Amino acid sequence: MSWVKLEKGNDWGRVYYALPGKRLTPDGFASIKNGIDFENLNKINIRFPSGKESCVSIVSKEEHATVGDMGHTYSVKYNLYGFKANYDEISTWIDLDQVEVWQEDLNVEQS
């Protein structure tokens, strides 16, 4: 059991999260297939840089991007995942790549 810091990948404009060292394919290419599926994950244990730990509800934010390739442009959409935190009556969204997550909550293997 361990804490991990997720890495963000970018596969033609679609951002995804992966375990450390798993963001790229063996050939060195970004692939959303290496991304973690958060769709059925509601809560996750996180650890802030200060060492404080918490269990949070995951919130997704839909994002849009435009990708250009050889004179053609494509619209893509993807979800960023994070959680809402409240500090001094101010609510803010924190991206999961800003904290460590408990790997076992992700239901993926690191090997």
PDB file of N, CA and C in Angstrom:
ATOM      1  N   MET A   1       0.848  -1.174   0.000  1.00  0.00           N
ATOM      2  CA  MET A   1       0.000   0.000   0.000  1.00  0.00           C
ATOM      3  C   MET A   1       0.890   1.232   0.000  1.00  0.00           C
ATOM      4  N   SER A   2       0.493   2.188  -0.852  1.00  0.00           N
ATOM      5  CA  SER A   2       1.385   3.338  -0.952  1.00  0.00           C
ATOM      6  C   SER A   2       0.677   4.573  -1.494  1.00  0.00           C
ATOM      7  N   TRP A   3       1.286   5.712  -1.211  1.00  0.00           N
ATOM      8  CA  TRP A   3       0.862   6.983  -1.775  1.00  0.00           C
ATOM      9  C   TRP A   3       1.590   7.186  -3.093  1.00  0.00           C
ATOM     10  N   VAL A   4       0.894   7.719  -4.094  1.00  0.00           N
ATOM     11  CA  VAL A   4       1.522   8.007  -5.383  1.00  0.00           C
ATOM     12  C   VAL A   4       1.119   9.403  -5.838  1.00  0.00           C
ATOM     13  N   LYS A   5       1.988  10.017  -6.598  1.00  0.00           N
ATOM     14  CA  LYS A   5       1.716  11.319  -7.210  1.00  0.00           C
ATOM     15  C   LYS A   5       1.384  11.048  -8.678  1.00  0.00           C
ATOM     16  N   LEU A   6       0.154  11.315  -9.068  1.00  0.00           N
ATOM     17  CA  LEU A   6      -0.278  11.040 -10.434  1.00  0.00           C
ATOM     18  C   LEU A   6       0.418  11.960 -11.422  1.00  0.00           C
ATOM     19  N   GLU A   7       0.635  11.454 -12.623  1.00  0.00           N
ATOM     20  CA  GLU A   7       1.198  12.242 -13.712  1.00  0.00           C
ATOM     21  C   GLU A   7       0.090  12.540 -14.713  1.00  0.00           C
ATOM     22  N   LYS A   8       0.146  13.724 -15.303  1.00  0.00           N
ATOM     23  CA  LYS A   8      -0.809  14.067 -16.361  1.00  0.00           C
ATOM     24  C   LYS A   8      -0.163  13.809 -17.707  1.00  0.00           C
ATOM     25  N   GLY A   9      -0.940  13.205 -18.593  1.00  0.00           N
ATOM     26  CA  GLY A   9      -0.512  12.998 -19.968  1.00  0.00           C
ATOM     27  C   GLY A   9      -1.406  13.793 -20.896  1.00  0.00           C
ATOM     28  N   ASN A  10      -0.970  13.944 -22.138  1.00  0.00           N
ATOM     29  CA  ASN A  10      -1.744  14.679 -23.122  1.00  0.00           C
ATOM     30  C   ASN A  10      -1.683  13.910 -24.439  1.00  0.00           C
ATOM     31  N   ASP A  11      -2.805  13.299 -24.795  1.00  0.00           N
ATOM     32  CA  ASP A  11      -2.909  12.507 -26.019  1.00  0.00           C
ATOM     33  C   ASP A  11      -3.756  13.289 -27.023  1.00  0.00           C
ATOM     34  N   TRP A  12      -3.101  14.045 -27.893  1.00  0.00           N
ATOM     35  CA  TRP A  12      -3.771  14.867 -28.890  1.00  0.00           C
ATOM     36  C   TRP A  12      -4.824  15.770 -28.270  1.00  0.00           C
ATOM     37  N   GLY A  13      -4.430  16.466 -27.201  1.00  0.00           N
ATOM     38  CA  GLY A  13      -5.325  17.427 -26.571  1.00  0.00           C
ATOM     39  C   GLY A  13      -6.196  16.869 -25.470  1.00  0.00           C
ATOM     40  N   ARG A  14      -6.259  15.567 -25.343  1.00  0.00           N
ATOM     41  CA  ARG A  14      -7.061  14.955 -24.279  1.00  0.00           C
ATOM     42  C   ARG A  14      -6.133  14.678 -23.097  1.00  0.00           C
ATOM     43  N   VAL A  15      -6.372  15.349 -21.994  1.00  0.00           N
ATOM     44  CA  VAL A  15      -5.541  15.203 -20.805  1.00  0.00           C
ATOM     45  C   VAL A  15      -6.025  13.986 -20.018  1.00  0.00           C
ATOM     46  N   TYR A  16      -5.079  13.230 -19.471  1.00  0.00           N
ATOM     47  CA  TYR A  16      -5.416  12.054 -18.666  1.00  0.00           C
ATOM     48  C   TYR A  16      -4.434  11.942 -17.511  1.00  0.00           C
ATOM     49  N   TYR A  17      -4.786  11.131 -16.528  1.00  0.00           N
ATOM     50  CA  TYR A  17      -3.955  10.895 -15.354  1.00  0.00           C
ATOM     51  C   TYR A  17      -3.439   9.468 -15.404  1.00  0.00           C
ATOM     52  N   ALA A  18      -2.181   9.288 -15.010  1.00  0.00           N
ATOM     53  CA  ALA A  18      -1.580   7.952 -15.015  1.00  0.00           C
ATOM     54  C   ALA A  18      -0.704   7.785 -13.777  1.00  0.00           C
ATOM     55  N   LEU A  19      -0.432   6.530 -13.449  1.00  0.00           N
ATOM     56  CA  LEU A  19       0.494   6.242 -12.363  1.00  0.00           C
ATOM     57  C   LEU A  19       1.896   6.694 -12.760  1.00  0.00           C
ATOM     58  N   PRO A  20       2.760   6.942 -11.793  1.00  0.00           N
ATOM     59  CA  PRO A  20       4.130   7.356 -12.108  1.00  0.00           C
ATOM     60  C   PRO A  20       4.813   6.351 -13.036  1.00  0.00           C
ATOM     61  N   GLY A  21       5.414   6.866 -14.102  1.00  0.00           N
ATOM     62  CA  GLY A  21       6.120   6.026 -15.063  1.00  0.00           C
ATOM     63  C   GLY A  21       5.229   5.309 -16.057  1.00  0.00           C
ATOM     64  N   LYS A  22       3.911   5.502 -15.986  1.00  0.00           N
ATOM     65  CA  LYS A  22       2.961   4.805 -16.873  1.00  0.00           C
ATOM     66  C   LYS A  22       2.292   5.736 -17.869  1.00  0.00           C
ATOM     67  N   ARG A  23       2.691   7.005 -17.898  1.00  0.00           N
ATOM     68  CA  ARG A  23       2.052   7.997 -18.759  1.00  0.00           C
ATOM     69  C   ARG A  23       2.308   7.716 -20.237  1.00  0.00           C
ATOM     70  N   LEU A  24       3.480   7.173 -20.565  1.00  0.00           N
ATOM     71  CA  LEU A  24       3.851   6.919 -21.955  1.00  0.00           C
ATOM     72  C   LEU A  24       3.817   5.426 -22.274  1.00  0.00           C
ATOM     73  N   THR A  25       3.626   5.105 -23.546  1.00  0.00           N
ATOM     74  CA  THR A  25       3.706   3.711 -23.999  1.00  0.00           C
ATOM     75  C   THR A  25       5.172   3.289 -23.993  1.00  0.00           C
ATOM     76  N   PRO A  26       5.460   1.989 -24.136  1.00  0.00           N
ATOM     77  CA  PRO A  26       6.863   1.548 -24.216  1.00  0.00           C
ATOM     78  C   PRO A  26       7.635   2.222 -25.359  1.00  0.00           C
ATOM     79  N   ASP A  27       6.919   2.664 -26.395  1.00  0.00           N
ATOM     80  CA  ASP A  27       7.568   3.355 -27.516  1.00  0.00           C
ATOM     81  C   ASP A  27       7.792   4.842 -27.246  1.00  0.00           C
ATOM     82  N   GLY A  28       7.324   5.322 -26.094  1.00  0.00           N
ATOM     83  CA  GLY A  28       7.530   6.716 -25.731  1.00  0.00           C
ATOM     84  C   GLY A  28       6.443   7.683 -26.156  1.00  0.00           C
ATOM     85  N   PHE A  29       5.264   7.167 -26.506  1.00  0.00           N
ATOM     86  CA  PHE A  29       4.163   8.019 -26.937  1.00  0.00           C
ATOM     87  C   PHE A  29       3.123   8.161 -25.830  1.00  0.00           C
ATOM     88  N   ALA A  30       2.500   9.332 -25.760  1.00  0.00           N
ATOM     89  CA  ALA A  30       1.400   9.534 -24.829  1.00  0.00           C
ATOM     90  C   ALA A  30       0.194   8.741 -25.335  1.00  0.00           C
ATOM     91  N   SER A  31      -0.509   8.088 -24.416  1.00  0.00           N
ATOM     92  CA  SER A  31      -1.698   7.333 -24.805  1.00  0.00           C
ATOM     93  C   SER A  31      -2.732   7.391 -23.696  1.00  0.00           C
ATOM     94  N   ILE A  32      -3.914   7.878 -24.055  1.00  0.00           N
ATOM     95  CA  ILE A  32      -4.991   7.960 -23.078  1.00  0.00           C
ATOM     96  C   ILE A  32      -5.381   6.566 -22.563  1.00  0.00           C
ATOM     97  N   LYS A  33      -5.020   5.534 -23.310  1.00  0.00           N
ATOM     98  CA  LYS A  33      -5.280   4.157 -22.866  1.00  0.00           C
ATOM     99  C   LYS A  33      -4.529   3.840 -21.576  1.00  0.00           C
ATOM    100  N   ASN A  34      -3.455   4.577 -21.301  1.00  0.00           N
ATOM    101  CA  ASN A  34      -2.699   4.392 -20.058  1.00  0.00           C
ATOM    102  C   ASN A  34      -3.317   5.153 -18.895  1.00  0.00           C
ATOM    103  N   GLY A  35      -4.369   5.906 -19.164  1.00  0.00           N
ATOM    104  CA  GLY A  35      -4.995   6.736 -18.141  1.00  0.00           C
ATOM    105  C   GLY A  35      -5.841   5.944 -17.160  1.00  0.00           C
ATOM    106  N   ILE A  36      -6.026   6.517 -16.004  1.00  0.00           N
ATOM    107  CA  ILE A  36      -6.846   5.925 -14.942  1.00  0.00           C
ATOM    108  C   ILE A  36      -8.305   6.293 -15.195  1.00  0.00           C
ATOM    109  N   ASP A  37      -9.188   5.321 -15.055  1.00  0.00           N
ATOM    110  CA  ASP A  37     -10.623   5.543 -15.242  1.00  0.00           C
ATOM    111  C   ASP A  37     -11.237   5.946 -13.903  1.00  0.00           C
ATOM    112  N   PHE A  38     -11.676   7.183 -13.803  1.00  0.00           N
ATOM    113  CA  PHE A  38     -12.271   7.698 -12.570  1.00  0.00           C
ATOM    114  C   PHE A  38     -13.791   7.644 -12.589  1.00  0.00           C
ATOM    115  N   GLU A  39     -14.388   7.178 -13.667  1.00  0.00           N
ATOM    116  CA  GLU A  39     -15.842   7.246 -13.829  1.00  0.00           C
ATOM    117  C   GLU A  39     -16.620   6.575 -12.691  1.00  0.00           C
ATOM    118  N   ASN A  40     -16.138   5.452 -12.188  1.00  0.00           N
ATOM    119  CA  ASN A  40     -16.868   4.738 -11.140  1.00  0.00           C
ATOM    120  C   ASN A  40     -16.233   4.911  -9.764  1.00  0.00           C
ATOM    121  N   LEU A  41     -15.402   5.921  -9.631  1.00  0.00           N
ATOM    122  CA  LEU A  41     -14.718   6.175  -8.374  1.00  0.00           C
ATOM    123  C   LEU A  41     -15.313   7.434  -7.751  1.00  0.00           C
ATOM    124  N   ASN A  42     -15.921   7.292  -6.574  1.00  0.00           N
ATOM    125  CA  ASN A  42     -16.585   8.424  -5.933  1.00  0.00           C
ATOM    126  C   ASN A  42     -15.720   9.131  -4.901  1.00  0.00           C
ATOM    127  N   LYS A  43     -14.998   8.348  -4.122  1.00  0.00           N
ATOM    128  CA  LYS A  43     -14.165   8.909  -3.052  1.00  0.00           C
ATOM    129  C   LYS A  43     -12.755   8.372  -3.182  1.00  0.00           C
ATOM    130  N   ILE A  44     -11.810   9.177  -2.695  1.00  0.00           N
ATOM    131  CA  ILE A  44     -10.412   8.782  -2.754  1.00  0.00           C
ATOM    132  C   ILE A  44      -9.671   9.398  -1.567  1.00  0.00           C
ATOM    133  N   ASN A  45      -8.720   8.653  -1.050  1.00  0.00           N
ATOM    134  CA  ASN A  45      -7.868   9.168   0.018  1.00  0.00           C
ATOM    135  C   ASN A  45      -6.738   9.965  -0.610  1.00  0.00           C
ATOM    136  N   ILE A  46      -6.521  11.164  -0.072  1.00  0.00           N
ATOM    137  CA  ILE A  46      -5.476  12.036  -0.615  1.00  0.00           C
ATOM    138  C   ILE A  46      -4.570  12.493   0.524  1.00  0.00           C
ATOM    139  N   ARG A  47      -3.352  12.915   0.129  1.00  0.00           N
ATOM    140  CA  ARG A  47      -2.423  13.488   1.103  1.00  0.00           C
ATOM    141  C   ARG A  47      -1.867  14.782   0.516  1.00  0.00           C
ATOM    142  N   PHE A  48      -2.059  15.865   1.262  1.00  0.00           N
ATOM    143  CA  PHE A  48      -1.561  17.171   0.849  1.00  0.00           C
ATOM    144  C   PHE A  48      -0.045  17.227   1.007  1.00  0.00           C
ATOM    145  N   PRO A  49       0.621  18.175   0.331  1.00  0.00           N
ATOM    146  CA  PRO A  49       2.069  18.324   0.499  1.00  0.00           C
ATOM    147  C   PRO A  49       2.492  18.533   1.958  1.00  0.00           C
ATOM    148  N   SER A  50       1.600  19.079   2.785  1.00  0.00           N
ATOM    149  CA  SER A  50       1.902  19.295   4.205  1.00  0.00           C
ATOM    150  C   SER A  50       1.919  17.994   4.996  1.00  0.00           C
ATOM    151  N   GLY A  51       1.403  16.908   4.392  1.00  0.00           N
ATOM    152  CA  GLY A  51       1.299  15.628   5.083  1.00  0.00           C
ATOM    153  C   GLY A  51      -0.094  15.345   5.617  1.00  0.00           C
ATOM    154  N   LYS A  52      -0.966  16.333   5.616  1.00  0.00           N
ATOM    155  CA  LYS A  52      -2.346  16.138   6.072  1.00  0.00           C
ATOM    156  C   LYS A  52      -3.055  15.195   5.115  1.00  0.00           C
ATOM    157  N   GLU A  53      -3.798  14.240   5.673  1.00  0.00           N
ATOM    158  CA  GLU A  53      -4.529  13.262   4.869  1.00  0.00           C
ATOM    159  C   GLU A  53      -6.027  13.488   5.000  1.00  0.00           C
ATOM    160  N   SER A  54      -6.754  13.115   3.940  1.00  0.00           N
ATOM    161  CA  SER A  54      -8.193  13.285   3.940  1.00  0.00           C
ATOM    162  C   SER A  54      -8.816  12.334   2.925  1.00  0.00           C
ATOM    163  N   CYS A  55     -10.085  12.031   3.110  1.00  0.00           N
ATOM    164  CA  CYS A  55     -10.863  11.281   2.128  1.00  0.00           C
ATOM    165  C   CYS A  55     -11.807  12.282   1.485  1.00  0.00           C
ATOM    166  N   VAL A  56     -11.749  12.395   0.158  1.00  0.00           N
ATOM    167  CA  VAL A  56     -12.519  13.421  -0.542  1.00  0.00           C
ATOM    168  C   VAL A  56     -13.398  12.799  -1.616  1.00  0.00           C
ATOM    169  N   SER A  57     -14.439  13.523  -1.971  1.00  0.00           N
ATOM    170  CA  SER A  57     -15.300  13.133  -3.088  1.00  0.00           C
ATOM    171  C   SER A  57     -14.704  13.689  -4.368  1.00  0.00           C
ATOM    172  N   ILE A  58     -14.593  12.837  -5.372  1.00  0.00           N
ATOM    173  CA  ILE A  58     -14.021  13.256  -6.642  1.00  0.00           C
ATOM    174  C   ILE A  58     -15.059  14.038  -7.452  1.00  0.00           C
ATOM    175  N   VAL A  59     -14.606  15.144  -8.027  1.00  0.00           N
ATOM    176  CA  VAL A  59     -15.446  15.996  -8.863  1.00  0.00           C
ATOM    177  C   VAL A  59     -14.748  16.121 -10.218  1.00  0.00           C
ATOM    178  N   SER A  60     -15.503  15.965 -11.289  1.00  0.00           N
ATOM    179  CA  SER A  60     -14.901  16.120 -12.628  1.00  0.00           C
ATOM    180  C   SER A  60     -15.291  17.471 -13.208  1.00  0.00           C
ATOM    181  N   LYS A  61     -14.394  17.997 -14.034  1.00  0.00           N
ATOM    182  CA  LYS A  61     -14.641  19.240 -14.766  1.00  0.00           C
ATOM    183  C   LYS A  61     -14.401  18.947 -16.235  1.00  0.00           C
ATOM    184  N   GLU A  62     -15.414  19.174 -17.057  1.00  0.00           N
ATOM    185  CA  GLU A  62     -15.243  18.965 -18.494  1.00  0.00           C
ATOM    186  C   GLU A  62     -14.468  20.135 -19.097  1.00  0.00           C
ATOM    187  N   GLU A  63     -13.464  19.794 -19.873  1.00  0.00           N
ATOM    188  CA  GLU A  63     -12.630  20.789 -20.532  1.00  0.00           C
ATOM    189  C   GLU A  63     -12.673  20.549 -22.042  1.00  0.00           C
ATOM    190  N   HIS A  64     -12.415  21.587 -22.802  1.00  0.00           N
ATOM    191  CA  HIS A  64     -12.396  21.504 -24.259  1.00  0.00           C
ATOM    192  C   HIS A  64     -11.078  22.058 -24.777  1.00  0.00           C
ATOM    193  N   ALA A  65     -10.609  21.501 -25.870  1.00  0.00           N
ATOM    194  CA  ALA A  65      -9.373  21.973 -26.491  1.00  0.00           C
ATOM    195  C   ALA A  65      -9.498  21.830 -27.998  1.00  0.00           C
ATOM    196  N   THR A  66      -8.643  22.532 -28.691  1.00  0.00           N
ATOM    197  CA  THR A  66      -8.553  22.425 -30.142  1.00  0.00           C
ATOM    198  C   THR A  66      -7.151  21.955 -30.476  1.00  0.00           C
ATOM    199  N   VAL A  67      -7.076  20.930 -31.306  1.00  0.00           N
ATOM    200  CA  VAL A  67      -5.793  20.355 -31.697  1.00  0.00           C
ATOM    201  C   VAL A  67      -5.614  20.565 -33.190  1.00  0.00           C
ATOM    202  N   GLY A  68      -4.430  20.976 -33.580  1.00  0.00           N
ATOM    203  CA  GLY A  68      -4.138  21.173 -34.990  1.00  0.00           C
ATOM    204  C   GLY A  68      -3.140  20.151 -35.488  1.00  0.00           C
ATOM    205  N   ASP A  69      -3.365  19.641 -36.696  1.00  0.00           N
ATOM    206  CA  ASP A  69      -2.459  18.673 -37.296  1.00  0.00           C
ATOM    207  C   ASP A  69      -2.499  18.844 -38.810  1.00  0.00           C
ATOM    208  N   MET A  70      -1.383  19.230 -39.367  1.00  0.00           N
ATOM    209  CA  MET A  70      -1.231  19.347 -40.819  1.00  0.00           C
ATOM    210  C   MET A  70      -2.363  20.162 -41.459  1.00  0.00           C
ATOM    211  N   GLY A  71      -2.669  21.319 -40.857  1.00  0.00           N
ATOM    212  CA  GLY A  71      -3.666  22.214 -41.417  1.00  0.00           C
ATOM    213  C   GLY A  71      -5.098  21.919 -41.025  1.00  0.00           C
ATOM    214  N   HIS A  72      -5.337  20.835 -40.324  1.00  0.00           N
ATOM    215  CA  HIS A  72      -6.678  20.498 -39.868  1.00  0.00           C
ATOM    216  C   HIS A  72      -6.780  20.769 -38.374  1.00  0.00           C
ATOM    217  N   THR A  73      -7.945  21.193 -37.925  1.00  0.00           N
ATOM    218  CA  THR A  73      -8.164  21.385 -36.501  1.00  0.00           C
ATOM    219  C   THR A  73      -9.281  20.466 -36.032  1.00  0.00           C
ATOM    220  N   TYR A  74      -9.114  20.005 -34.818  1.00  0.00           N
ATOM    221  CA  TYR A  74     -10.070  19.075 -34.221  1.00  0.00           C
ATOM    222  C   TYR A  74     -10.442  19.572 -32.835  1.00  0.00           C
ATOM    223  N   SER A  75     -11.710  19.481 -32.509  1.00  0.00           N
ATOM    224  CA  SER A  75     -12.170  19.809 -31.168  1.00  0.00           C
ATOM    225  C   SER A  75     -12.179  18.530 -30.345  1.00  0.00           C
ATOM    226  N   VAL A  76     -11.632  18.620 -29.156  1.00  0.00           N
ATOM    227  CA  VAL A  76     -11.624  17.463 -28.261  1.00  0.00           C
ATOM    228  C   VAL A  76     -12.166  17.883 -26.906  1.00  0.00           C
ATOM    229  N   LYS A  77     -12.678  16.930 -26.167  1.00  0.00           N
ATOM    230  CA  LYS A  77     -13.106  17.202 -24.803  1.00  0.00           C
ATOM    231  C   LYS A  77     -12.588  16.088 -23.906  1.00  0.00           C
ATOM    232  N   TYR A  78     -12.397  16.427 -22.662  1.00  0.00           N
ATOM    233  CA  TYR A  78     -11.870  15.487 -21.677  1.00  0.00           C
ATOM    234  C   TYR A  78     -12.287  15.978 -20.299  1.00  0.00           C
ATOM    235  N   ASN A  79     -12.093  15.154 -19.299  1.00  0.00           N
ATOM    236  CA  ASN A  79     -12.422  15.529 -17.928  1.00  0.00           C
ATOM    237  C   ASN A  79     -11.159  15.660 -17.101  1.00  0.00           C
ATOM    238  N   LEU A  80     -11.095  16.712 -16.320  1.00  0.00           N
ATOM    239  CA  LEU A  80     -10.096  16.832 -15.275  1.00  0.00           C
ATOM    240  C   LEU A  80     -10.750  16.358 -13.989  1.00  0.00           C
ATOM    241  N   TYR A  81      -9.977  15.755 -13.102  1.00  0.00           N
ATOM    242  CA  TYR A  81     -10.525  15.239 -11.855  1.00  0.00           C
ATOM    243  C   TYR A  81      -9.837  15.879 -10.664  1.00  0.00           C
ATOM    244  N   GLY A  82     -10.630  16.179  -9.668  1.00  0.00           N
ATOM    245  CA  GLY A  82     -10.110  16.800  -8.465  1.00  0.00           C
ATOM    246  C   GLY A  82     -11.158  16.750  -7.376  1.00  0.00           C
ATOM    247  N   PHE A  83     -11.084  17.692  -6.478  1.00  0.00           N
ATOM    248  CA  PHE A  83     -12.025  17.748  -5.367  1.00  0.00           C
ATOM    249  C   PHE A  83     -12.178  19.194  -4.932  1.00  0.00           C
ATOM    250  N   LYS A  84     -13.263  19.461  -4.220  1.00  0.00           N
ATOM    251  CA  LYS A  84     -13.503  20.799  -3.699  1.00  0.00           C
ATOM    252  C   LYS A  84     -12.997  20.861  -2.263  1.00  0.00           C
ATOM    253  N   ALA A  85     -12.316  21.949  -1.965  1.00  0.00           N
ATOM    254  CA  ALA A  85     -11.811  22.169  -0.613  1.00  0.00           C
ATOM    255  C   ALA A  85     -12.278  23.543  -0.151  1.00  0.00           C
ATOM    256  N   ASN A  86     -12.543  23.650   1.133  1.00  0.00           N
ATOM    257  CA  ASN A  86     -12.985  24.920   1.711  1.00  0.00           C
ATOM    258  C   ASN A  86     -11.937  25.441   2.681  1.00  0.00           C
ATOM    259  N   TYR A  87     -11.556  26.686   2.479  1.00  0.00           N
ATOM    260  CA  TYR A  87     -10.602  27.356   3.361  1.00  0.00           C
ATOM    261  C   TYR A  87     -11.147  28.741   3.676  1.00  0.00           C
ATOM    262  N   ASP A  88     -11.339  29.001   4.953  1.00  0.00           N
ATOM    263  CA  ASP A  88     -11.844  30.312   5.384  1.00  0.00           C
ATOM    264  C   ASP A  88     -13.061  30.749   4.572  1.00  0.00           C
ATOM    265  N   GLU A  89     -14.024  29.866   4.442  1.00  0.00           N
ATOM    266  CA  GLU A  89     -15.289  30.116   3.755  1.00  0.00           C
ATOM    267  C   GLU A  89     -15.140  30.347   2.252  1.00  0.00           C
ATOM    268  N   ILE A  90     -13.989  29.959   1.683  1.00  0.00           N
ATOM    269  CA  ILE A  90     -13.782  30.041   0.236  1.00  0.00           C
ATOM    270  C   ILE A  90     -13.653  28.621  -0.295  1.00  0.00           C
ATOM    271  N   SER A  91     -14.455  28.293  -1.293  1.00  0.00           N
ATOM    272  CA  SER A  91     -14.415  26.970  -1.902  1.00  0.00           C
ATOM    273  C   SER A  91     -13.550  27.024  -3.153  1.00  0.00           C
ATOM    274  N   THR A  92     -12.669  26.052  -3.295  1.00  0.00           N
ATOM    275  CA  THR A  92     -11.810  25.997  -4.472  1.00  0.00           C
ATOM    276  C   THR A  92     -11.697  24.558  -4.951  1.00  0.00           C
ATOM    277  N   TRP A  93     -11.442  24.400  -6.232  1.00  0.00           N
ATOM    278  CA  TRP A  93     -11.275  23.077  -6.828  1.00  0.00           C
ATOM    279  C   TRP A  93      -9.788  22.783  -6.901  1.00  0.00           C
ATOM    280  N   ILE A  94      -9.377  21.587  -6.461  1.00  0.00           N
ATOM    281  CA  ILE A  94      -7.970  21.195  -6.478  1.00  0.00           C
ATOM    282  C   ILE A  94      -7.816  19.979  -7.375  1.00  0.00           C
ATOM    283  N   ASP A  95      -6.929  20.078  -8.348  1.00  0.00           N
ATOM    284  CA  ASP A  95      -6.661  19.001  -9.294  1.00  0.00           C
ATOM    285  C   ASP A  95      -5.950  17.852  -8.582  1.00  0.00           C
ATOM    286  N   LEU A  96      -6.292  16.615  -8.948  1.00  0.00           N
ATOM    287  CA  LEU A  96      -5.679  15.455  -8.296  1.00  0.00           C
ATOM    288  C   LEU A  96      -4.171  15.362  -8.499  1.00  0.00           C
ATOM    289  N   ASP A  97      -3.637  16.032  -9.520  1.00  0.00           N
ATOM    290  CA  ASP A  97      -2.185  15.966  -9.701  1.00  0.00           C
ATOM    291  C   ASP A  97      -1.436  16.888  -8.731  1.00  0.00           C
ATOM    292  N   GLN A  98      -2.172  17.619  -7.904  1.00  0.00           N
ATOM    293  CA  GLN A  98      -1.550  18.508  -6.929  1.00  0.00           C
ATOM    294  C   GLN A  98      -1.326  17.850  -5.574  1.00  0.00           C
ATOM    295  N   VAL A  99      -1.851  16.645  -5.404  1.00  0.00           N
ATOM    296  CA  VAL A  99      -1.733  15.912  -4.135  1.00  0.00           C
ATOM    297  C   VAL A  99      -1.298  14.483  -4.423  1.00  0.00           C
ATOM    298  N   GLU A 100      -0.965  13.754  -3.386  1.00  0.00           N
ATOM    299  CA  GLU A 100      -0.723  12.321  -3.541  1.00  0.00           C
ATOM    300  C   GLU A 100      -2.042  11.599  -3.310  1.00  0.00           C
ATOM    301  N   VAL A 101      -2.216  10.455  -3.962  1.00  0.00           N
ATOM    302  CA  VAL A 101      -3.427   9.654  -3.780  1.00  0.00           C
ATOM    303  C   VAL A 101      -3.037   8.263  -3.298  1.00  0.00           C
ATOM    304  N   TRP A 102      -3.961   7.630  -2.595  1.00  0.00           N
ATOM    305  CA  TRP A 102      -3.738   6.270  -2.098  1.00  0.00           C
ATOM    306  C   TRP A 102      -3.952   5.325  -3.277  1.00  0.00           C
ATOM    307  N   GLN A 103      -2.888   4.671  -3.708  1.00  0.00           N
ATOM    308  CA  GLN A 103      -2.920   3.867  -4.934  1.00  0.00           C
ATOM    309  C   GLN A 103      -4.004   2.798  -4.917  1.00  0.00           C
ATOM    310  N   GLU A 104      -4.216   2.170  -3.786  1.00  0.00           N
ATOM    311  CA  GLU A 104      -5.204   1.085  -3.714  1.00  0.00           C
ATOM    312  C   GLU A 104      -6.615   1.564  -3.976  1.00  0.00           C
ATOM    313  N   ASP A 105      -6.885   2.857  -3.776  1.00  0.00           N
ATOM    314  CA  ASP A 105      -8.206   3.399  -4.085  1.00  0.00           C
ATOM    315  C   ASP A 105      -8.482   3.441  -5.589  1.00  0.00           C
ATOM    316  N   LEU A 106      -7.430   3.409  -6.398  1.00  0.00           N
ATOM    317  CA  LEU A 106      -7.551   3.565  -7.844  1.00  0.00           C
ATOM    318  C   LEU A 106      -7.926   2.284  -8.565  1.00  0.00           C
ATOM    319  N   ASN A 107      -7.786   1.146  -7.939  1.00  0.00           N
ATOM    320  CA  ASN A 107      -8.064  -0.157  -8.555  1.00  0.00           C
ATOM    321  C   ASN A 107      -7.236  -0.399  -9.812  1.00  0.00           C
ATOM    322  N   VAL A 108      -5.969   0.007  -9.768  1.00  0.00           N
ATOM    323  CA  VAL A 108      -5.035  -0.255 -10.872  1.00  0.00           C
ATOM    324  C   VAL A 108      -3.735  -0.777 -10.275  1.00  0.00           C
ATOM    325  N   GLU A 109      -2.981  -1.488 -11.090  1.00  0.00           N
ATOM    326  CA  GLU A 109      -1.704  -2.030 -10.637  1.00  0.00           C
ATOM    327  C   GLU A 109      -0.569  -1.139 -11.104  1.00  0.00           C
ATOM    328  N   GLN A 110       0.465  -1.025 -10.277  1.00  0.00           N
ATOM    329  CA  GLN A 110       1.596  -0.172 -10.630  1.00  0.00           C
ATOM    330  C   GLN A 110       2.667  -0.912 -11.402  1.00  0.00           C
ATOM    331  N   SER A 111       2.674  -2.214 -11.413  1.00  0.00           N
ATOM    332  CA  SER A 111       3.767  -2.965 -12.034  1.00  0.00           C
ATOM    333  C   SER A 111       4.010  -2.659 -13.480  1.00  0.00           C
TER     334      SER A 111
END
